[in-house]
Amino acid sequence: MDPFALPLIAQLLDAAYLLVESIAALLHPLAGGASAAIAVVVLTLMVRTLLIPVGISQVKAEWARRRLAPRLQALQRKYKKNPQLLQRKTMALHKAENVSPFAGILPTLLQAPVISLVYALFIRGTIGGHANALLASTIGGVPLGASLITTGITWPGVAVFAALLIVIAVVAWISRRIALRLALQPVDAPAAVRLNAVLSWLPFLTLVFAAVVPLAATLYLATTATWTLVERTILRRRYWGQV
């Protein structure tokens, strides 16, 4: 079943499509053929601006976990031979400090439907029963609906994809270095340390997706990945003094 065929979701998707078309129409006198591509960036920035409170909640949750980390590690050392007691002591600490162990998960879940809706706008051939004209617009001569690996893009069109993929790769590399530096290391848990190292590569999944989706989606992914890196850097400095 196509979830975007459900009445409410279909209406939201159609509204988002009309918004992008309206932005592109406003930009056309200045941007010409690139107006639709710029409209994609503008829409992405609008959505991410609305989601700033979500980002703040996630960064505050990160800080809460870091603040409790030394005490949690002390509990792990003290009760490592008694997992049930360790669990009770851990939950008691979270309760005493008014910190939920699941803090940050809810904001992520709230963000997912919004991001999914915006992403669907850039990959669906039809929206609201009509052709998605957004995908027929071009940037650098490449249609926004074209994919690097499925449509045989050649030079110089491939340079458009290459530029966006380089941006995503650089952002992913910086994000991974930050994740490794800020990762909380469990006590006497080599497996957990290895898991942290593996999870640090997750930002590069964006690069994989960006290489196979239409250009409009690649542009969206490059924009939102860059926003996330900059936003987290600013918020971490604001709320806990480091990146």
C-alpha atoms as a PDB file:
ATOM      1  CA  MET A   1       0.000   0.000   0.000  1.00  0.00           C
ATOM      2  CA  ASP A   2       1.249   3.446  -0.944  1.00  0.00           C
ATOM      3  CA  PRO A   3       1.096   5.612   2.227  1.00  0.00           C
ATOM      4  CA  PHE A   4       1.140   8.746   0.089  1.00  0.00           C
ATOM      5  CA  ALA A   5      -2.161   7.680  -1.468  1.00  0.00           C
ATOM      6  CA  LEU A   6      -3.905   8.136   1.879  1.00  0.00           C
ATOM      7  CA  PRO A   7      -6.146  11.241   1.677  1.00  0.00           C
ATOM      8  CA  LEU A   8      -4.510  13.327   4.407  1.00  0.00           C
ATOM      9  CA  ILE A   9      -0.928  12.525   3.367  1.00  0.00           C
ATOM     10  CA  ALA A  10      -1.779  13.072  -0.306  1.00  0.00           C
ATOM     11  CA  GLN A  11      -3.225  16.490   0.518  1.00  0.00           C
ATOM     12  CA  LEU A  12      -0.143  17.463   2.511  1.00  0.00           C
ATOM     13  CA  LEU A  13       2.116  16.331  -0.326  1.00  0.00           C
ATOM     14  CA  ASP A  14       0.062  18.272  -2.875  1.00  0.00           C
ATOM     15  CA  ALA A  15       0.221  21.375  -0.661  1.00  0.00           C
ATOM     16  CA  ALA A  16       4.013  21.057  -0.413  1.00  0.00           C
ATOM     17  CA  TYR A  17       4.201  20.704  -4.201  1.00  0.00           C
ATOM     18  CA  LEU A  18       2.110  23.851  -4.736  1.00  0.00           C
ATOM     19  CA  LEU A  19       4.348  25.701  -2.266  1.00  0.00           C
ATOM     20  CA  VAL A  20       7.500  24.774  -4.197  1.00  0.00           C
ATOM     21  CA  GLU A  21       5.874  25.758  -7.485  1.00  0.00           C
ATOM     22  CA  SER A  22       4.888  29.111  -5.997  1.00  0.00           C
ATOM     23  CA  ILE A  23       8.409  29.733  -4.708  1.00  0.00           C
ATOM     24  CA  ALA A  24       9.862  28.785  -8.092  1.00  0.00           C
ATOM     25  CA  ALA A  25       7.450  31.166  -9.849  1.00  0.00           C
ATOM     26  CA  LEU A  26       8.534  34.017  -7.568  1.00  0.00           C
ATOM     27  CA  LEU A  27      12.210  33.249  -8.193  1.00  0.00           C
ATOM     28  CA  HIS A  28      11.919  32.744 -11.957  1.00  0.00           C
ATOM     29  CA  PRO A  29      12.419  36.414 -12.963  1.00  0.00           C
ATOM     30  CA  LEU A  30      15.760  36.392 -11.136  1.00  0.00           C
ATOM     31  CA  ALA A  31      16.896  32.761 -11.349  1.00  0.00           C
ATOM     32  CA  GLY A  32      15.425  31.664 -14.660  1.00  0.00           C
ATOM     33  CA  GLY A  33      15.764  27.923 -15.280  1.00  0.00           C
ATOM     34  CA  ALA A  34      17.399  27.392 -11.887  1.00  0.00           C
ATOM     35  CA  SER A  35      14.328  28.689 -10.025  1.00  0.00           C
ATOM     36  CA  ALA A  36      12.926  25.218  -9.254  1.00  0.00           C
ATOM     37  CA  ALA A  37      16.288  24.006  -7.891  1.00  0.00           C
ATOM     38  CA  ILE A  38      16.569  27.094  -5.687  1.00  0.00           C
ATOM     39  CA  ALA A  39      12.966  26.539  -4.582  1.00  0.00           C
ATOM     40  CA  VAL A  40      13.961  23.044  -3.427  1.00  0.00           C
ATOM     41  CA  VAL A  41      16.708  24.584  -1.290  1.00  0.00           C
ATOM     42  CA  VAL A  42      14.344  27.259   0.047  1.00  0.00           C
ATOM     43  CA  LEU A  43      11.730  24.655   1.000  1.00  0.00           C
ATOM     44  CA  THR A  44      14.364  22.543   2.747  1.00  0.00           C
ATOM     45  CA  LEU A  45      15.552  25.568   4.730  1.00  0.00           C
ATOM     46  CA  MET A  46      11.967  26.449   5.646  1.00  0.00           C
ATOM     47  CA  VAL A  47      11.314  22.941   6.951  1.00  0.00           C
ATOM     48  CA  ARG A  48      14.568  22.804   8.891  1.00  0.00           C
ATOM     49  CA  THR A  49      13.839  26.238  10.394  1.00  0.00           C
ATOM     50  CA  LEU A  50      10.508  24.932  11.676  1.00  0.00           C
ATOM     51  CA  LEU A  51      12.350  21.941  13.150  1.00  0.00           C
ATOM     52  CA  ILE A  52      14.876  24.004  15.125  1.00  0.00           C
ATOM     53  CA  PRO A  53      13.020  23.250  18.405  1.00  0.00           C
ATOM     54  CA  VAL A  54      13.504  19.549  17.612  1.00  0.00           C
ATOM     55  CA  GLY A  55      17.231  20.118  17.194  1.00  0.00           C
ATOM     56  CA  ILE A  56      17.384  21.972  20.498  1.00  0.00           C
ATOM     57  CA  SER A  57      15.623  19.085  22.259  1.00  0.00           C
ATOM     58  CA  GLN A  58      18.087  16.591  20.798  1.00  0.00           C
ATOM     59  CA  VAL A  59      21.143  18.615  21.825  1.00  0.00           C
ATOM     60  CA  LYS A  60      19.763  19.087  25.351  1.00  0.00           C
ATOM     61  CA  ALA A  61      19.205  15.316  25.528  1.00  0.00           C
ATOM     62  CA  GLU A  62      22.815  14.757  24.447  1.00  0.00           C
ATOM     63  CA  TRP A  63      24.001  17.085  27.206  1.00  0.00           C
ATOM     64  CA  ALA A  64      21.856  15.319  29.797  1.00  0.00           C
ATOM     65  CA  ARG A  65      23.430  11.985  28.878  1.00  0.00           C
ATOM     66  CA  ARG A  66      26.943  13.452  29.019  1.00  0.00           C
ATOM     67  CA  ARG A  67      26.255  15.100  32.394  1.00  0.00           C
ATOM     68  CA  LEU A  68      25.215  11.777  33.897  1.00  0.00           C
ATOM     69  CA  ALA A  69      27.897   9.722  32.128  1.00  0.00           C
ATOM     70  CA  PRO A  70      30.511   9.755  34.952  1.00  0.00           C
ATOM     71  CA  ARG A  71      27.926   8.649  37.542  1.00  0.00           C
ATOM     72  CA  LEU A  72      26.550   5.977  35.214  1.00  0.00           C
ATOM     73  CA  GLN A  73      30.071   4.677  34.612  1.00  0.00           C
ATOM     74  CA  ALA A  74      30.623   4.517  38.377  1.00  0.00           C
ATOM     75  CA  LEU A  75      27.446   2.447  38.713  1.00  0.00           C
ATOM     76  CA  GLN A  76      28.593   0.158  35.891  1.00  0.00           C
ATOM     77  CA  ARG A  77      31.894  -0.476  37.654  1.00  0.00           C
ATOM     78  CA  LYS A  78      30.238  -1.039  41.028  1.00  0.00           C
ATOM     79  CA  TYR A  79      27.399  -3.305  39.896  1.00  0.00           C
ATOM     80  CA  LYS A  80      28.821  -4.901  36.762  1.00  0.00           C
ATOM     81  CA  LYS A  81      28.354  -8.375  38.291  1.00  0.00           C
ATOM     82  CA  ASN A  82      24.711  -7.699  39.147  1.00  0.00           C
ATOM     83  CA  PRO A  83      22.892  -6.550  35.955  1.00  0.00           C
ATOM     84  CA  GLN A  84      19.452  -6.398  37.570  1.00  0.00           C
ATOM     85  CA  LEU A  85      20.627  -4.173  40.393  1.00  0.00           C
ATOM     86  CA  LEU A  86      22.581  -2.068  37.903  1.00  0.00           C
ATOM     87  CA  GLN A  87      19.410  -1.538  35.890  1.00  0.00           C
ATOM     88  CA  ARG A  88      17.468  -0.462  38.986  1.00  0.00           C
ATOM     89  CA  LYS A  89      20.227   1.911  40.104  1.00  0.00           C
ATOM     90  CA  THR A  90      20.455   3.371  36.606  1.00  0.00           C
ATOM     91  CA  MET A  91      16.721   4.017  36.395  1.00  0.00           C
ATOM     92  CA  ALA A  92      16.765   5.520  39.889  1.00  0.00           C
ATOM     93  CA  LEU A  93      19.548   7.912  38.878  1.00  0.00           C
ATOM     94  CA  HIS A  94      17.652   9.011  35.780  1.00  0.00           C
ATOM     95  CA  LYS A  95      14.532   9.580  37.874  1.00  0.00           C
ATOM     96  CA  ALA A  96      16.389  11.511  40.572  1.00  0.00           C
ATOM     97  CA  GLU A  97      17.984  13.776  37.965  1.00  0.00           C
ATOM     98  CA  ASN A  98      14.709  14.134  36.021  1.00  0.00           C
ATOM     99  CA  VAL A  99      16.374  12.822  32.868  1.00  0.00           C
ATOM    100  CA  SER A 100      14.638  10.335  30.627  1.00  0.00           C
ATOM    101  CA  PRO A 101      16.919   7.602  29.199  1.00  0.00           C
ATOM    102  CA  PHE A 102      14.865   7.957  26.014  1.00  0.00           C
ATOM    103  CA  ALA A 103      15.295  11.731  25.766  1.00  0.00           C
ATOM    104  CA  GLY A 104      15.873  12.746  22.178  1.00  0.00           C
ATOM    105  CA  ILE A 105      14.023   9.794  20.654  1.00  0.00           C
ATOM    106  CA  LEU A 106      10.621  11.502  20.538  1.00  0.00           C
ATOM    107  CA  PRO A 107      11.931  14.576  18.678  1.00  0.00           C
ATOM    108  CA  THR A 108      13.524  12.240  16.136  1.00  0.00           C
ATOM    109  CA  LEU A 109      10.241  10.392  15.652  1.00  0.00           C
ATOM    110  CA  LEU A 110       8.378  13.688  15.229  1.00  0.00           C
ATOM    111  CA  GLN A 111      10.887  14.823  12.627  1.00  0.00           C
ATOM    112  CA  ALA A 112      10.698  11.657  10.514  1.00  0.00           C
ATOM    113  CA  PRO A 113       7.201  12.199   8.986  1.00  0.00           C
ATOM    114  CA  VAL A 114       8.053  15.778   7.999  1.00  0.00           C
ATOM    115  CA  ILE A 115      11.340  14.805   6.365  1.00  0.00           C
ATOM    116  CA  SER A 116       9.656  11.848   4.633  1.00  0.00           C
ATOM    117  CA  LEU A 117       6.996  14.144   3.170  1.00  0.00           C
ATOM    118  CA  VAL A 118       9.559  16.590   1.819  1.00  0.00           C
ATOM    119  CA  TYR A 119      11.687  13.743   0.470  1.00  0.00           C
ATOM    120  CA  ALA A 120       8.677  12.173  -1.312  1.00  0.00           C
ATOM    121  CA  LEU A 121       8.097  15.466  -3.071  1.00  0.00           C
ATOM    122  CA  PHE A 122      11.417  15.045  -4.849  1.00  0.00           C
ATOM    123  CA  ILE A 123      11.124  11.418  -5.994  1.00  0.00           C
ATOM    124  CA  ARG A 124       7.500  10.904  -7.076  1.00  0.00           C
ATOM    125  CA  GLY A 125       6.642  11.218 -10.746  1.00  0.00           C
ATOM    126  CA  THR A 126       3.040  12.200 -10.045  1.00  0.00           C
ATOM    127  CA  ILE A 127       1.531  14.236  -7.235  1.00  0.00           C
ATOM    128  CA  GLY A 128      -2.180  14.868  -6.766  1.00  0.00           C
ATOM    129  CA  GLY A 129      -2.981  13.063  -9.991  1.00  0.00           C
ATOM    130  CA  HIS A 130      -0.773  15.301 -12.148  1.00  0.00           C
ATOM    131  CA  ALA A 131       2.806  15.094 -13.362  1.00  0.00           C
ATOM    132  CA  ASN A 132       5.462  16.356 -10.976  1.00  0.00           C
ATOM    133  CA  ALA A 133       6.727  19.259 -13.082  1.00  0.00           C
ATOM    134  CA  LEU A 134       9.361  19.939 -10.442  1.00  0.00           C
ATOM    135  CA  LEU A 135      11.340  16.943 -11.680  1.00  0.00           C
ATOM    136  CA  ALA A 136      11.358  18.232 -15.269  1.00  0.00           C
ATOM    137  CA  SER A 137      13.124  21.463 -14.284  1.00  0.00           C
ATOM    138  CA  THR A 138      16.895  21.525 -14.642  1.00  0.00           C
ATOM    139  CA  ILE A 139      20.045  22.654 -12.901  1.00  0.00           C
ATOM    140  CA  GLY A 140      23.224  22.840 -14.917  1.00  0.00           C
ATOM    141  CA  GLY A 141      21.340  21.204 -17.773  1.00  0.00           C
ATOM    142  CA  VAL A 142      20.412  18.140 -15.697  1.00  0.00           C
ATOM    143  CA  PRO A 143      16.687  17.486 -15.010  1.00  0.00           C
ATOM    144  CA  LEU A 144      15.840  17.442 -11.317  1.00  0.00           C
ATOM    145  CA  GLY A 145      14.189  14.062 -11.908  1.00  0.00           C
ATOM    146  CA  ALA A 146      17.364  12.517 -13.351  1.00  0.00           C
ATOM    147  CA  SER A 147      19.434  10.043 -11.344  1.00  0.00           C
ATOM    148  CA  LEU A 148      23.190   9.655 -11.673  1.00  0.00           C
ATOM    149  CA  ILE A 149      23.212   5.853 -11.915  1.00  0.00           C
ATOM    150  CA  THR A 150      19.962   5.195 -13.787  1.00  0.00           C
ATOM    151  CA  THR A 151      19.871   7.775 -16.570  1.00  0.00           C
ATOM    152  CA  GLY A 152      23.427   7.706 -17.878  1.00  0.00           C
ATOM    153  CA  ILE A 153      24.276  11.322 -17.080  1.00  0.00           C
ATOM    154  CA  THR A 154      27.428  12.377 -18.945  1.00  0.00           C
ATOM    155  CA  TRP A 155      29.831  15.264 -18.628  1.00  0.00           C
ATOM    156  CA  PRO A 156      29.299  18.144 -17.885  1.00  0.00           C
ATOM    157  CA  GLY A 157      26.027  17.081 -16.238  1.00  0.00           C
ATOM    158  CA  VAL A 158      27.863  14.613 -14.003  1.00  0.00           C
ATOM    159  CA  ALA A 159      29.726  17.587 -12.491  1.00  0.00           C
ATOM    160  CA  VAL A 160      26.459  18.760 -10.908  1.00  0.00           C
ATOM    161  CA  PHE A 161      26.065  15.444  -9.099  1.00  0.00           C
ATOM    162  CA  ALA A 162      29.770  15.354  -8.260  1.00  0.00           C
ATOM    163  CA  ALA A 163      29.641  18.783  -6.593  1.00  0.00           C
ATOM    164  CA  LEU A 164      26.660  17.810  -4.420  1.00  0.00           C
ATOM    165  CA  LEU A 165      28.169  14.423  -3.514  1.00  0.00           C
ATOM    166  CA  ILE A 166      31.426  16.096  -2.504  1.00  0.00           C
ATOM    167  CA  VAL A 167      29.500  18.435  -0.195  1.00  0.00           C
ATOM    168  CA  ILE A 168      27.679  15.478   1.389  1.00  0.00           C
ATOM    169  CA  ALA A 169      30.920  13.492   1.733  1.00  0.00           C
ATOM    170  CA  VAL A 170      32.731  16.374   3.455  1.00  0.00           C
ATOM    171  CA  VAL A 171      29.800  16.936   5.817  1.00  0.00           C
ATOM    172  CA  ALA A 172      29.665  13.188   6.583  1.00  0.00           C
ATOM    173  CA  TRP A 173      33.407  13.083   7.289  1.00  0.00           C
ATOM    174  CA  ILE A 174      33.226  16.054   9.676  1.00  0.00           C
ATOM    175  CA  SER A 175      30.119  14.601  11.354  1.00  0.00           C
ATOM    176  CA  ARG A 176      31.880  11.262  11.875  1.00  0.00           C
ATOM    177  CA  ARG A 177      34.915  12.903  13.490  1.00  0.00           C
ATOM    178  CA  ILE A 178      32.664  14.848  15.844  1.00  0.00           C
ATOM    179  CA  ALA A 179      30.644  11.716  16.678  1.00  0.00           C
ATOM    180  CA  LEU A 180      33.807   9.787  17.563  1.00  0.00           C
ATOM    181  CA  ARG A 181      35.101  12.602  19.751  1.00  0.00           C
ATOM    182  CA  LEU A 182      31.841  13.001  21.625  1.00  0.00           C
ATOM    183  CA  ALA A 183      30.912   9.325  21.913  1.00  0.00           C
ATOM    184  CA  LEU A 184      30.312   8.130  25.467  1.00  0.00           C
ATOM    185  CA  GLN A 185      32.527   5.115  26.131  1.00  0.00           C
ATOM    186  CA  PRO A 186      30.903   2.404  28.301  1.00  0.00           C
ATOM    187  CA  VAL A 187      32.969   0.882  31.104  1.00  0.00           C
ATOM    188  CA  ASP A 188      34.530  -2.522  30.350  1.00  0.00           C
ATOM    189  CA  ALA A 189      32.459  -2.939  27.181  1.00  0.00           C
ATOM    190  CA  PRO A 190      34.681  -3.439  24.130  1.00  0.00           C
ATOM    191  CA  ALA A 191      31.669  -4.504  22.070  1.00  0.00           C
ATOM    192  CA  ALA A 192      29.917  -1.215  22.811  1.00  0.00           C
ATOM    193  CA  VAL A 193      33.059   0.704  21.863  1.00  0.00           C
ATOM    194  CA  ARG A 194      33.176  -1.149  18.548  1.00  0.00           C
ATOM    195  CA  LEU A 195      29.474  -0.422  18.044  1.00  0.00           C
ATOM    196  CA  ASN A 196      30.122   3.296  18.539  1.00  0.00           C
ATOM    197  CA  ALA A 197      32.833   3.111  15.890  1.00  0.00           C
ATOM    198  CA  VAL A 198      30.481   1.377  13.459  1.00  0.00           C
ATOM    199  CA  LEU A 199      27.639   3.824  14.129  1.00  0.00           C
ATOM    200  CA  SER A 200      29.985   6.729  13.463  1.00  0.00           C
ATOM    201  CA  TRP A 201      29.863   5.758   9.779  1.00  0.00           C
ATOM    202  CA  LEU A 202      26.082   6.309   9.574  1.00  0.00           C
ATOM    203  CA  PRO A 203      26.404   9.837   8.105  1.00  0.00           C
ATOM    204  CA  PHE A 204      27.897   8.242   4.991  1.00  0.00           C
ATOM    205  CA  LEU A 205      24.579   6.463   4.326  1.00  0.00           C
ATOM    206  CA  THR A 206      23.338   9.842   3.120  1.00  0.00           C
ATOM    207  CA  LEU A 207      26.074   9.753   0.500  1.00  0.00           C
ATOM    208  CA  VAL A 208      24.906   6.327  -0.700  1.00  0.00           C
ATOM    209  CA  PHE A 209      21.280   7.463  -0.988  1.00  0.00           C
ATOM    210  CA  ALA A 210      22.296  10.691  -2.706  1.00  0.00           C
ATOM    211  CA  ALA A 211      24.085   8.720  -5.418  1.00  0.00           C
ATOM    212  CA  VAL A 212      20.970   6.787  -6.453  1.00  0.00           C
ATOM    213  CA  VAL A 213      18.032   9.191  -5.992  1.00  0.00           C
ATOM    214  CA  PRO A 214      16.892  11.915  -8.434  1.00  0.00           C
ATOM    215  CA  LEU A 215      18.879  15.155  -8.537  1.00  0.00           C
ATOM    216  CA  ALA A 216      16.157  17.061  -6.646  1.00  0.00           C
ATOM    217  CA  ALA A 217      16.492  14.612  -3.749  1.00  0.00           C
ATOM    218  CA  THR A 218      20.292  14.817  -3.898  1.00  0.00           C
ATOM    219  CA  LEU A 219      20.024  18.593  -3.644  1.00  0.00           C
ATOM    220  CA  TYR A 220      17.683  18.223  -0.690  1.00  0.00           C
ATOM    221  CA  LEU A 221      20.023  15.764   1.053  1.00  0.00           C
ATOM    222  CA  ALA A 222      23.047  18.032   0.558  1.00  0.00           C
ATOM    223  CA  THR A 223      21.132  20.990   1.968  1.00  0.00           C
ATOM    224  CA  THR A 224      19.661  19.212   4.982  1.00  0.00           C
ATOM    225  CA  ALA A 225      22.938  17.428   5.846  1.00  0.00           C
ATOM    226  CA  THR A 226      24.823  20.723   5.808  1.00  0.00           C
ATOM    227  CA  TRP A 227      22.100  22.370   7.909  1.00  0.00           C
ATOM    228  CA  THR A 228      22.269  19.552  10.467  1.00  0.00           C
ATOM    229  CA  LEU A 229      26.033  19.881  10.876  1.00  0.00           C
ATOM    230  CA  VAL A 230      25.927  23.666  11.259  1.00  0.00           C
ATOM    231  CA  GLU A 231      22.876  23.578  13.546  1.00  0.00           C
ATOM    232  CA  ARG A 232      24.354  20.946  15.873  1.00  0.00           C
ATOM    233  CA  THR A 233      27.656  22.839  16.041  1.00  0.00           C
ATOM    234  CA  ILE A 234      25.927  26.096  16.997  1.00  0.00           C
ATOM    235  CA  LEU A 235      23.559  24.473  19.491  1.00  0.00           C
ATOM    236  CA  ARG A 236      26.307  22.453  21.185  1.00  0.00           C
ATOM    237  CA  ARG A 237      28.337  25.619  21.656  1.00  0.00           C
ATOM    238  CA  ARG A 238      25.244  27.372  22.966  1.00  0.00           C
ATOM    239  CA  TYR A 239      24.043  24.692  25.393  1.00  0.00           C
ATOM    240  CA  TRP A 240      27.167  22.819  26.426  1.00  0.00           C
ATOM    241  CA  GLY A 241      30.167  24.735  25.242  1.00  0.00           C
ATOM    242  CA  GLN A 242      31.686  22.430  22.621  1.00  0.00           C
ATOM    243  CA  VAL A 243      31.168  20.775  19.244  1.00  0.00           C
END
